[in-house]
PDB file of all heavy atoms in Angstrom:
ATOM      1  N   ALA A   1       0.841  -1.208   0.000  1.00  0.00           N
ATOM      2  CA  ALA A   1       0.000   0.000   0.000  1.00  0.00           C
ATOM      3  C   ALA A   1       0.869   1.248   0.000  1.00  0.00           C
ATOM      4  O   ALA A   1       1.803   1.366   0.789  1.00  0.00           O
ATOM      5  CB  ALA A   1      -0.915   0.005   1.230  1.00  0.00           C
ATOM      6  N   GLY A   2       0.520   2.206  -0.866  1.00  0.00           N
ATOM      7  CA  GLY A   2       1.327   3.404  -1.076  1.00  0.00           C
ATOM      8  C   GLY A   2       1.468   4.312   0.132  1.00  0.00           C
ATOM      9  O   GLY A   2       2.524   4.907   0.353  1.00  0.00           O
ATOM     10  N   HIS A   3       0.414   4.422   0.937  1.00  0.00           N
ATOM     11  CA  HIS A   3       0.446   5.430   2.004  1.00  0.00           C
ATOM     12  C   HIS A   3       1.309   5.031   3.196  1.00  0.00           C
ATOM     13  O   HIS A   3       1.487   5.815   4.123  1.00  0.00           O
ATOM     14  CB  HIS A   3      -0.979   5.779   2.462  1.00  0.00           C
ATOM     15  CG  HIS A   3      -1.651   4.709   3.265  1.00  0.00           C
ATOM     16  ND1 HIS A   3      -1.829   4.810   4.622  1.00  0.00           N
ATOM     17  CD2 HIS A   3      -2.187   3.528   2.903  1.00  0.00           C
ATOM     18  CE1 HIS A   3      -2.461   3.719   5.067  1.00  0.00           C
ATOM     19  NE2 HIS A   3      -2.686   2.935   4.041  1.00  0.00           N
ATOM     20  N   LYS A   4       1.873   3.837   3.166  1.00  0.00           N
ATOM     21  CA  LYS A   4       2.771   3.424   4.254  1.00  0.00           C
ATOM     22  C   LYS A   4       4.214   3.854   4.003  1.00  0.00           C
ATOM     23  O   LYS A   4       5.053   3.752   4.886  1.00  0.00           O
ATOM     24  CB  LYS A   4       2.731   1.903   4.444  1.00  0.00           C
ATOM     25  CG  LYS A   4       1.352   1.328   4.729  1.00  0.00           C
ATOM     26  CD  LYS A   4       0.790   1.745   6.058  1.00  0.00           C
ATOM     27  CE  LYS A   4      -0.487   0.972   6.355  1.00  0.00           C
ATOM     28  NZ  LYS A   4      -1.134   1.401   7.585  1.00  0.00           N
ATOM     29  N   PHE A   5       4.518   4.276   2.769  1.00  0.00           N
ATOM     30  CA  PHE A   5       5.899   4.711   2.489  1.00  0.00           C
ATOM     31  C   PHE A   5       5.925   6.064   1.776  1.00  0.00           C
ATOM     32  O   PHE A   5       6.615   6.259   0.798  1.00  0.00           O
ATOM     33  CB  PHE A   5       6.684   3.637   1.709  1.00  0.00           C
ATOM     34  CG  PHE A   5       5.945   2.997   0.550  1.00  0.00           C
ATOM     35  CD1 PHE A   5       5.805   3.658  -0.661  1.00  0.00           C
ATOM     36  CD2 PHE A   5       5.395   1.726   0.684  1.00  0.00           C
ATOM     37  CE1 PHE A   5       5.142   3.079  -1.726  1.00  0.00           C
ATOM     38  CE2 PHE A   5       4.722   1.133  -0.374  1.00  0.00           C
ATOM     39  CZ  PHE A   5       4.596   1.814  -1.586  1.00  0.00           C
ATOM     40  N   TYR A   6       5.123   6.994   2.297  1.00  0.00           N
ATOM     41  CA  TYR A   6       5.132   8.401   1.849  1.00  0.00           C
ATOM     42  C   TYR A   6       4.578   8.584   0.440  1.00  0.00           C
ATOM     43  O   TYR A   6       4.930   9.524  -0.262  1.00  0.00           O
ATOM     44  CB  TYR A   6       6.550   9.006   1.985  1.00  0.00           C
ATOM     45  CG  TYR A   6       7.120   8.762   3.365  1.00  0.00           C
ATOM     46  CD1 TYR A   6       7.925   7.654   3.622  1.00  0.00           C
ATOM     47  CD2 TYR A   6       6.800   9.606   4.426  1.00  0.00           C
ATOM     48  CE1 TYR A   6       8.408   7.393   4.894  1.00  0.00           C
ATOM     49  CE2 TYR A   6       7.276   9.365   5.700  1.00  0.00           C
ATOM     50  CZ  TYR A   6       8.075   8.256   5.932  1.00  0.00           C
ATOM     51  OH  TYR A   6       8.536   8.003   7.202  1.00  0.00           O
ATOM     52  N   GLY A   7       3.679   7.676   0.064  1.00  0.00           N
ATOM     53  CA  GLY A   7       2.922   7.813  -1.177  1.00  0.00           C
ATOM     54  C   GLY A   7       1.491   8.182  -0.834  1.00  0.00           C
ATOM     55  O   GLY A   7       1.132   8.325   0.347  1.00  0.00           O
ATOM     56  N   PRO A   8       0.632   8.317  -1.862  1.00  0.00           N
ATOM     57  CA  PRO A   8      -0.755   8.705  -1.599  1.00  0.00           C
ATOM     58  C   PRO A   8      -1.600   7.562  -1.028  1.00  0.00           C
ATOM     59  O   PRO A   8      -1.245   6.392  -1.170  1.00  0.00           O
ATOM     60  CB  PRO A   8      -1.264   9.105  -2.984  1.00  0.00           C
ATOM     61  CG  PRO A   8      -0.395   8.362  -3.947  1.00  0.00           C
ATOM     62  CD  PRO A   8       0.942   8.198  -3.290  1.00  0.00           C
ATOM     63  N   LYS A   9      -2.705   7.919  -0.406  1.00  0.00           N
ATOM     64  CA  LYS A   9      -3.681   6.928   0.046  1.00  0.00           C
ATOM     65  C   LYS A   9      -4.536   6.499  -1.158  1.00  0.00           C
ATOM     66  O   LYS A   9      -4.570   7.187  -2.167  1.00  0.00           O
ATOM     67  CB  LYS A   9      -4.574   7.521   1.134  1.00  0.00           C
ATOM     68  CG  LYS A   9      -3.815   7.843   2.409  1.00  0.00           C
ATOM     69  CD  LYS A   9      -4.652   8.682   3.372  1.00  0.00           C
ATOM     70  CE  LYS A   9      -3.864   9.050   4.605  1.00  0.00           C
ATOM     71  NZ  LYS A   9      -2.660   9.878   4.336  1.00  0.00           N
ATOM     72  N   GLY A  10      -5.212   5.370  -1.028  1.00  0.00           N
ATOM     73  CA  GLY A  10      -6.117   4.940  -2.093  1.00  0.00           C
ATOM     74  C   GLY A  10      -5.439   4.237  -3.251  1.00  0.00           C
ATOM     75  O   GLY A  10      -6.042   4.017  -4.296  1.00  0.00           O
ATOM     76  N   ILE A  11      -4.159   3.872  -3.069  1.00  0.00           N
ATOM     77  CA  ILE A  11      -3.448   3.115  -4.113  1.00  0.00           C
ATOM     78  C   ILE A  11      -2.594   2.036  -3.452  1.00  0.00           C
ATOM     79  O   ILE A  11      -1.940   2.268  -2.438  1.00  0.00           O
ATOM     80  CB  ILE A  11      -2.572   4.041  -5.006  1.00  0.00           C
ATOM     81  CG1 ILE A  11      -1.911   3.280  -6.166  1.00  0.00           C
ATOM     82  CG2 ILE A  11      -1.492   4.756  -4.193  1.00  0.00           C
ATOM     83  CD1 ILE A  11      -2.795   3.042  -7.340  1.00  0.00           C
ATOM     84  N   GLY A  12      -2.646   0.849  -4.026  1.00  0.00           N
ATOM     85  CA  GLY A  12      -1.820  -0.263  -3.562  1.00  0.00           C
ATOM     86  C   GLY A  12      -1.552  -1.153  -4.754  1.00  0.00           C
ATOM     87  O   GLY A  12      -1.838  -0.788  -5.898  1.00  0.00           O
ATOM     88  N   ALA A  13      -1.005  -2.317  -4.495  1.00  0.00           N
ATOM     89  CA  ALA A  13      -0.749  -3.252  -5.589  1.00  0.00           C
ATOM     90  C   ALA A  13      -0.752  -4.670  -5.053  1.00  0.00           C
ATOM     91  O   ALA A  13      -0.492  -4.909  -3.871  1.00  0.00           O
ATOM     92  CB  ALA A  13       0.586  -2.945  -6.262  1.00  0.00           C
ATOM     93  N   LEU A  14      -1.062  -5.587  -5.966  1.00  0.00           N
ATOM     94  CA  LEU A  14      -0.909  -7.008  -5.678  1.00  0.00           C
ATOM     95  C   LEU A  14       0.093  -7.561  -6.685  1.00  0.00           C
ATOM     96  O   LEU A  14      -0.085  -7.397  -7.893  1.00  0.00           O
ATOM     97  CB  LEU A  14      -2.251  -7.746  -5.803  1.00  0.00           C
ATOM     98  CG  LEU A  14      -2.196  -9.256  -5.516  1.00  0.00           C
ATOM     99  CD1 LEU A  14      -1.790  -9.541  -4.068  1.00  0.00           C
ATOM    100  CD2 LEU A  14      -3.557  -9.915  -5.797  1.00  0.00           C
ATOM    101  N   TYR A  15       1.142  -8.156  -6.158  1.00  0.00           N
ATOM    102  CA  TYR A  15       2.079  -8.894  -7.017  1.00  0.00           C
ATOM    103  C   TYR A  15       1.533 -10.305  -7.160  1.00  0.00           C
ATOM    104  O   TYR A  15       1.190 -10.952  -6.159  1.00  0.00           O
ATOM    105  CB  TYR A  15       3.471  -8.918  -6.367  1.00  0.00           C
ATOM    106  CG  TYR A  15       4.321 -10.106  -6.772  1.00  0.00           C
ATOM    107  CD1 TYR A  15       4.975 -10.134  -8.005  1.00  0.00           C
ATOM    108  CD2 TYR A  15       4.465 -11.212  -5.931  1.00  0.00           C
ATOM    109  CE1 TYR A  15       5.742 -11.237  -8.380  1.00  0.00           C
ATOM    110  CE2 TYR A  15       5.228 -12.311  -6.288  1.00  0.00           C
ATOM    111  CZ  TYR A  15       5.861 -12.323  -7.522  1.00  0.00           C
ATOM    112  OH  TYR A  15       6.614 -13.409  -7.886  1.00  0.00           O
ATOM    113  N   ILE A  16       1.408 -10.768  -8.406  1.00  0.00           N
ATOM    114  CA  ILE A  16       0.950 -12.135  -8.674  1.00  0.00           C
ATOM    115  C   ILE A  16       2.006 -12.794  -9.562  1.00  0.00           C
ATOM    116  O   ILE A  16       2.226 -12.364 -10.703  1.00  0.00           O
ATOM    117  CB  ILE A  16      -0.417 -12.157  -9.405  1.00  0.00           C
ATOM    118  CG1 ILE A  16      -1.467 -11.332  -8.637  1.00  0.00           C
ATOM    119  CG2 ILE A  16      -0.905 -13.595  -9.602  1.00  0.00           C
ATOM    120  CD1 ILE A  16      -2.756 -11.069  -9.402  1.00  0.00           C
ATOM    121  N   ARG A  17       2.661 -13.794  -9.036  1.00  0.00           N
ATOM    122  CA  ARG A  17       3.727 -14.454  -9.805  1.00  0.00           C
ATOM    123  C   ARG A  17       3.185 -15.019 -11.111  1.00  0.00           C
ATOM    124  O   ARG A  17       2.074 -15.560 -11.152  1.00  0.00           O
ATOM    125  CB  ARG A  17       4.368 -15.578  -8.968  1.00  0.00           C
ATOM    126  CG  ARG A  17       5.621 -16.181  -9.625  1.00  0.00           C
ATOM    127  CD  ARG A  17       6.378 -17.081  -8.651  1.00  0.00           C
ATOM    128  NE  ARG A  17       5.590 -18.210  -8.202  1.00  0.00           N
ATOM    129  CZ  ARG A  17       5.436 -19.346  -8.899  1.00  0.00           C
ATOM    130  NH1 ARG A  17       6.000 -19.507 -10.078  1.00  0.00           N
ATOM    131  NH2 ARG A  17       4.715 -20.333  -8.396  1.00  0.00           N
ATOM    132  N   LYS A  18       3.979 -14.856 -12.157  1.00  0.00           N
ATOM    133  CA  LYS A  18       3.588 -15.334 -13.487  1.00  0.00           C
ATOM    134  C   LYS A  18       3.136 -16.785 -13.445  1.00  0.00           C
ATOM    135  O   LYS A  18       3.766 -17.618 -12.804  1.00  0.00           O
ATOM    136  CB  LYS A  18       4.782 -15.219 -14.450  1.00  0.00           C
ATOM    137  CG  LYS A  18       4.628 -14.118 -15.494  1.00  0.00           C
ATOM    138  CD  LYS A  18       5.582 -14.257 -16.659  1.00  0.00           C
ATOM    139  CE  LYS A  18       7.009 -14.025 -16.320  1.00  0.00           C
ATOM    140  NZ  LYS A  18       7.462 -12.690 -16.071  1.00  0.00           N
ATOM    141  N   GLY A  19       2.042 -17.081 -14.120  1.00  0.00           N
ATOM    142  CA  GLY A  19       1.591 -18.466 -14.229  1.00  0.00           C
ATOM    143  C   GLY A  19       0.579 -18.874 -13.175  1.00  0.00           C
ATOM    144  O   GLY A  19       0.010 -19.966 -13.238  1.00  0.00           O
ATOM    145  N   ILE A  20       0.321 -17.993 -12.194  1.00  0.00           N
ATOM    146  CA  ILE A  20      -0.660 -18.337 -11.154  1.00  0.00           C
ATOM    147  C   ILE A  20      -2.043 -17.909 -11.628  1.00  0.00           C
ATOM    148  O   ILE A  20      -2.245 -16.785 -12.072  1.00  0.00           O
ATOM    149  CB  ILE A  20      -0.297 -17.646  -9.825  1.00  0.00           C
ATOM    150  CG1 ILE A  20       0.941 -18.317  -9.246  1.00  0.00           C
ATOM    151  CG2 ILE A  20      -1.462 -17.706  -8.822  1.00  0.00           C
ATOM    152  CD1 ILE A  20       1.497 -17.637  -8.026  1.00  0.00           C
ATOM    153  N   LYS A  21      -2.997 -18.821 -11.536  1.00  0.00           N
ATOM    154  CA  LYS A  21      -4.346 -18.417 -11.942  1.00  0.00           C
ATOM    155  C   LYS A  21      -5.081 -17.871 -10.725  1.00  0.00           C
ATOM    156  O   LYS A  21      -4.950 -18.375  -9.616  1.00  0.00           O
ATOM    157  CB  LYS A  21      -5.089 -19.561 -12.643  1.00  0.00           C
ATOM    158  CG  LYS A  21      -5.375 -20.777 -11.841  1.00  0.00           C
ATOM    159  CD  LYS A  21      -6.209 -21.766 -12.660  1.00  0.00           C
ATOM    160  CE  LYS A  21      -6.786 -22.762 -11.698  1.00  0.00           C
ATOM    161  NZ  LYS A  21      -6.897 -24.081 -11.908  1.00  0.00           N
ATOM    162  N   ILE A  22      -5.817 -16.811 -10.986  1.00  0.00           N
ATOM    163  CA  ILE A  22      -6.528 -16.135  -9.895  1.00  0.00           C
ATOM    164  C   ILE A  22      -7.816 -15.556 -10.457  1.00  0.00           C
ATOM    165  O   ILE A  22      -7.843 -15.044 -11.576  1.00  0.00           O
ATOM    166  CB  ILE A  22      -5.636 -15.033  -9.254  1.00  0.00           C
ATOM    167  CG1 ILE A  22      -6.289 -14.433  -8.003  1.00  0.00           C
ATOM    168  CG2 ILE A  22      -5.255 -13.944 -10.254  1.00  0.00           C
ATOM    169  CD1 ILE A  22      -5.344 -13.612  -7.133  1.00  0.00           C
ATOM    170  N   GLU A  23      -8.895 -15.686  -9.714  1.00  0.00           N
ATOM    171  CA  GLU A  23     -10.178 -15.108 -10.143  1.00  0.00           C
ATOM    172  C   GLU A  23     -10.164 -13.606  -9.848  1.00  0.00           C
ATOM    173  O   GLU A  23      -9.523 -13.165  -8.900  1.00  0.00           O
ATOM    174  CB  GLU A  23     -11.338 -15.759  -9.374  1.00  0.00           C
ATOM    175  CG  GLU A  23     -11.546 -17.233  -9.687  1.00  0.00           C
ATOM    176  CD  GLU A  23     -12.228 -17.474 -11.025  1.00  0.00           C
ATOM    177  OE1 GLU A  23     -12.998 -16.594 -11.464  1.00  0.00           O
ATOM    178  OE2 GLU A  23     -11.961 -18.530 -11.629  1.00  0.00           O
ATOM    179  N   ASN A  24     -10.910 -12.859 -10.637  1.00  0.00           N
ATOM    180  CA  ASN A  24     -11.010 -11.412 -10.396  1.00  0.00           C
ATOM    181  C   ASN A  24     -11.860 -11.122  -9.171  1.00  0.00           C
ATOM    182  O   ASN A  24     -12.806 -11.857  -8.870  1.00  0.00           O
ATOM    183  CB  ASN A  24     -11.621 -10.711 -11.611  1.00  0.00           C
ATOM    184  CG  ASN A  24     -10.658 -10.654 -12.781  1.00  0.00           C
ATOM    185  OD1 ASN A  24      -9.567 -11.210 -12.716  1.00  0.00           O
ATOM    186  ND2 ASN A  24     -11.052  -9.997 -13.842  1.00  0.00           N
ATOM    187  N   LEU A  25     -11.526 -10.029  -8.507  1.00  0.00           N
ATOM    188  CA  LEU A  25     -12.347  -9.549  -7.393  1.00  0.00           C
ATOM    189  C   LEU A  25     -13.310  -8.483  -7.895  1.00  0.00           C
ATOM    190  O   LEU A  25     -14.469  -8.439  -7.505  1.00  0.00           O
ATOM    191  CB  LEU A  25     -11.432  -8.967  -6.299  1.00  0.00           C
ATOM    192  CG  LEU A  25     -12.120  -8.450  -5.035  1.00  0.00           C
ATOM    193  CD1 LEU A  25     -12.684  -9.610  -4.218  1.00  0.00           C
ATOM    194  CD2 LEU A  25     -11.147  -7.644  -4.173  1.00  0.00           C
ATOM    195  N   ILE A  26     -12.802  -7.613  -8.783  1.00  0.00           N
ATOM    196  CA  ILE A  26     -13.626  -6.518  -9.315  1.00  0.00           C
ATOM    197  C   ILE A  26     -13.850  -6.739 -10.806  1.00  0.00           C
ATOM    198  O   ILE A  26     -12.879  -6.842 -11.572  1.00  0.00           O
ATOM    199  CB  ILE A  26     -12.943  -5.154  -9.039  1.00  0.00           C
ATOM    200  CG1 ILE A  26     -12.880  -4.937  -7.524  1.00  0.00           C
ATOM    201  CG2 ILE A  26     -13.687  -4.013  -9.725  1.00  0.00           C
ATOM    202  CD1 ILE A  26     -12.225  -3.679  -7.085  1.00  0.00           C
ATOM    203  N   HIS A  27     -15.111  -6.817 -11.180  1.00  0.00           N
ATOM    204  CA  HIS A  27     -15.470  -7.103 -12.579  1.00  0.00           C
ATOM    205  C   HIS A  27     -15.920  -5.831 -13.283  1.00  0.00           C
ATOM    206  O   HIS A  27     -16.496  -4.933 -12.669  1.00  0.00           O
ATOM    207  CB  HIS A  27     -16.583  -8.157 -12.632  1.00  0.00           C
ATOM    208  CG  HIS A  27     -16.204  -9.427 -11.940  1.00  0.00           C
ATOM    209  ND1 HIS A  27     -15.524 -10.438 -12.559  1.00  0.00           N
ATOM    210  CD2 HIS A  27     -16.389  -9.824 -10.660  1.00  0.00           C
ATOM    211  CE1 HIS A  27     -15.304 -11.418 -11.694  1.00  0.00           C
ATOM    212  NE2 HIS A  27     -15.819 -11.066 -10.528  1.00  0.00           N
ATOM    213  N   GLY A  28     -15.644  -5.765 -14.569  1.00  0.00           N
ATOM    214  CA  GLY A  28     -16.025  -4.583 -15.351  1.00  0.00           C
ATOM    215  C   GLY A  28     -15.217  -4.521 -16.623  1.00  0.00           C
ATOM    216  O   GLY A  28     -15.183  -5.482 -17.397  1.00  0.00           O
ATOM    217  N   GLY A  29     -14.513  -3.404 -16.817  1.00  0.00           N
ATOM    218  CA  GLY A  29     -13.701  -3.220 -18.032  1.00  0.00           C
ATOM    219  C   GLY A  29     -12.442  -4.075 -18.006  1.00  0.00           C
ATOM    220  O   GLY A  29     -12.197  -4.847 -17.093  1.00  0.00           O
ATOM    221  N   GLY A  30     -11.617  -3.886 -19.046  1.00  0.00           N
ATOM    222  CA  GLY A  30     -10.444  -4.750 -19.217  1.00  0.00           C
ATOM    223  C   GLY A  30      -9.144  -4.183 -18.682  1.00  0.00           C
ATOM    224  O   GLY A  30      -8.064  -4.616 -19.095  1.00  0.00           O
ATOM    225  N   GLN A  31      -9.230  -3.248 -17.743  1.00  0.00           N
ATOM    226  CA  GLN A  31      -7.997  -2.631 -17.225  1.00  0.00           C
ATOM    227  C   GLN A  31      -7.120  -3.644 -16.482  1.00  0.00           C
ATOM    228  O   GLN A  31      -7.586  -4.720 -16.108  1.00  0.00           O
ATOM    229  CB  GLN A  31      -8.330  -1.459 -16.277  1.00  0.00           C
ATOM    230  CG  GLN A  31      -8.956  -0.261 -16.958  1.00  0.00           C
ATOM    231  CD  GLN A  31     -10.472  -0.335 -17.024  1.00  0.00           C
ATOM    232  OE1 GLN A  31     -11.074  -1.356 -16.720  1.00  0.00           O
ATOM    233  NE2 GLN A  31     -11.085   0.765 -17.433  1.00  0.00           N
ATOM    234  N   GLU A  32      -5.888  -3.251 -16.257  1.00  0.00           N
ATOM    235  CA  GLU A  32      -4.903  -4.111 -15.571  1.00  0.00           C
ATOM    236  C   GLU A  32      -4.864  -5.509 -16.206  1.00  0.00           C
ATOM    237  O   GLU A  32      -4.969  -6.521 -15.528  1.00  0.00           O
ATOM    238  CB  GLU A  32      -5.196  -4.198 -14.063  1.00  0.00           C
ATOM    239  CG  GLU A  32      -4.987  -2.896 -13.307  1.00  0.00           C
ATOM    240  CD  GLU A  32      -3.562  -2.378 -13.384  1.00  0.00           C
ATOM    241  OE1 GLU A  32      -2.677  -2.951 -12.743  1.00  0.00           O
ATOM    242  OE2 GLU A  32      -3.327  -1.389 -14.120  1.00  0.00           O
ATOM    243  N   ARG A  33      -4.725  -5.504 -17.525  1.00  0.00           N
ATOM    244  CA  ARG A  33      -4.660  -6.745 -18.312  1.00  0.00           C
ATOM    245  C   ARG A  33      -5.811  -7.697 -17.975  1.00  0.00           C
ATOM    246  O   ARG A  33      -5.605  -8.879 -17.685  1.00  0.00           O
ATOM    247  CB  ARG A  33      -3.283  -7.409 -18.126  1.00  0.00           C
ATOM    248  CG  ARG A  33      -2.159  -6.477 -18.590  1.00  0.00           C
ATOM    249  CD  ARG A  33      -0.791  -7.060 -18.547  1.00  0.00           C
ATOM    250  NE  ARG A  33      -0.307  -7.497 -17.255  1.00  0.00           N
ATOM    251  CZ  ARG A  33      -0.077  -6.701 -16.223  1.00  0.00           C
ATOM    252  NH1 ARG A  33      -0.307  -5.396 -16.315  1.00  0.00           N
ATOM    253  NH2 ARG A  33       0.381  -7.178 -15.097  1.00  0.00           N
ATOM    254  N   ASN A  34      -7.011  -7.120 -17.950  1.00  0.00           N
ATOM    255  CA  ASN A  34      -8.265  -7.864 -17.702  1.00  0.00           C
ATOM    256  C   ASN A  34      -8.368  -8.479 -16.311  1.00  0.00           C
ATOM    257  O   ASN A  34      -9.196  -9.342 -16.063  1.00  0.00           O
ATOM    258  CB  ASN A  34      -8.462  -8.993 -18.742  1.00  0.00           C
ATOM    259  CG  ASN A  34      -8.768  -8.431 -20.102  1.00  0.00           C
ATOM    260  OD1 ASN A  34      -9.621  -7.552 -20.236  1.00  0.00           O
ATOM    261  ND2 ASN A  34      -8.052  -8.902 -21.112  1.00  0.00           N
ATOM    262  N   LYS A  35      -7.538  -7.993 -15.386  1.00  0.00           N
ATOM    263  CA  LYS A  35      -7.550  -8.599 -14.044  1.00  0.00           C
ATOM    264  C   LYS A  35      -8.247  -7.727 -12.999  1.00  0.00           C
ATOM    265  O   LYS A  35      -8.719  -8.216 -11.984  1.00  0.00           O
ATOM    266  CB  LYS A  35      -6.108  -8.835 -13.565  1.00  0.00           C
ATOM    267  CG  LYS A  35      -5.380  -9.984 -14.267  1.00  0.00           C
ATOM    268  CD  LYS A  35      -5.450 -11.256 -13.447  1.00  0.00           C
ATOM    269  CE  LYS A  35      -4.430 -12.282 -13.811  1.00  0.00           C
ATOM    270  NZ  LYS A  35      -4.758 -13.055 -14.996  1.00  0.00           N
ATOM    271  N   ARG A  36      -8.273  -6.397 -13.224  1.00  0.00           N
ATOM    272  CA  ARG A  36      -8.849  -5.520 -12.203  1.00  0.00           C
ATOM    273  C   ARG A  36      -9.518  -4.336 -12.889  1.00  0.00           C
ATOM    274  O   ARG A  36      -8.853  -3.442 -13.391  1.00  0.00           O
ATOM    275  CB  ARG A  36      -7.747  -5.058 -11.247  1.00  0.00           C
ATOM    276  CG  ARG A  36      -8.240  -4.536  -9.912  1.00  0.00           C
ATOM    277  CD  ARG A  36      -8.500  -3.048  -9.963  1.00  0.00           C
ATOM    278  NE  ARG A  36      -8.790  -2.488  -8.666  1.00  0.00           N
ATOM    279  CZ  ARG A  36      -9.190  -1.239  -8.480  1.00  0.00           C
ATOM    280  NH1 ARG A  36      -9.340  -0.413  -9.518  1.00  0.00           N
ATOM    281  NH2 ARG A  36      -9.448  -0.791  -7.279  1.00  0.00           N
ATOM    282  N   ALA A  37     -10.853  -4.359 -12.900  1.00  0.00           N
ATOM    283  CA  ALA A  37     -11.617  -3.356 -13.638  1.00  0.00           C
ATOM    284  C   ALA A  37     -11.610  -2.001 -12.935  1.00  0.00           C
ATOM    285  O   ALA A  37     -11.406  -1.917 -11.726  1.00  0.00           O
ATOM    286  CB  ALA A  37     -13.056  -3.840 -13.812  1.00  0.00           C
TER     287      ALA A  37
END
């Protein structure tokens, strides 16, 4: 999460190792390579 190291609030990231299958949490458009709308 960005706000823990002097970045803005409301932004974070999930690292997903290549080749791991994972279902989407947020459905909608094709942003973030169709993984997070």
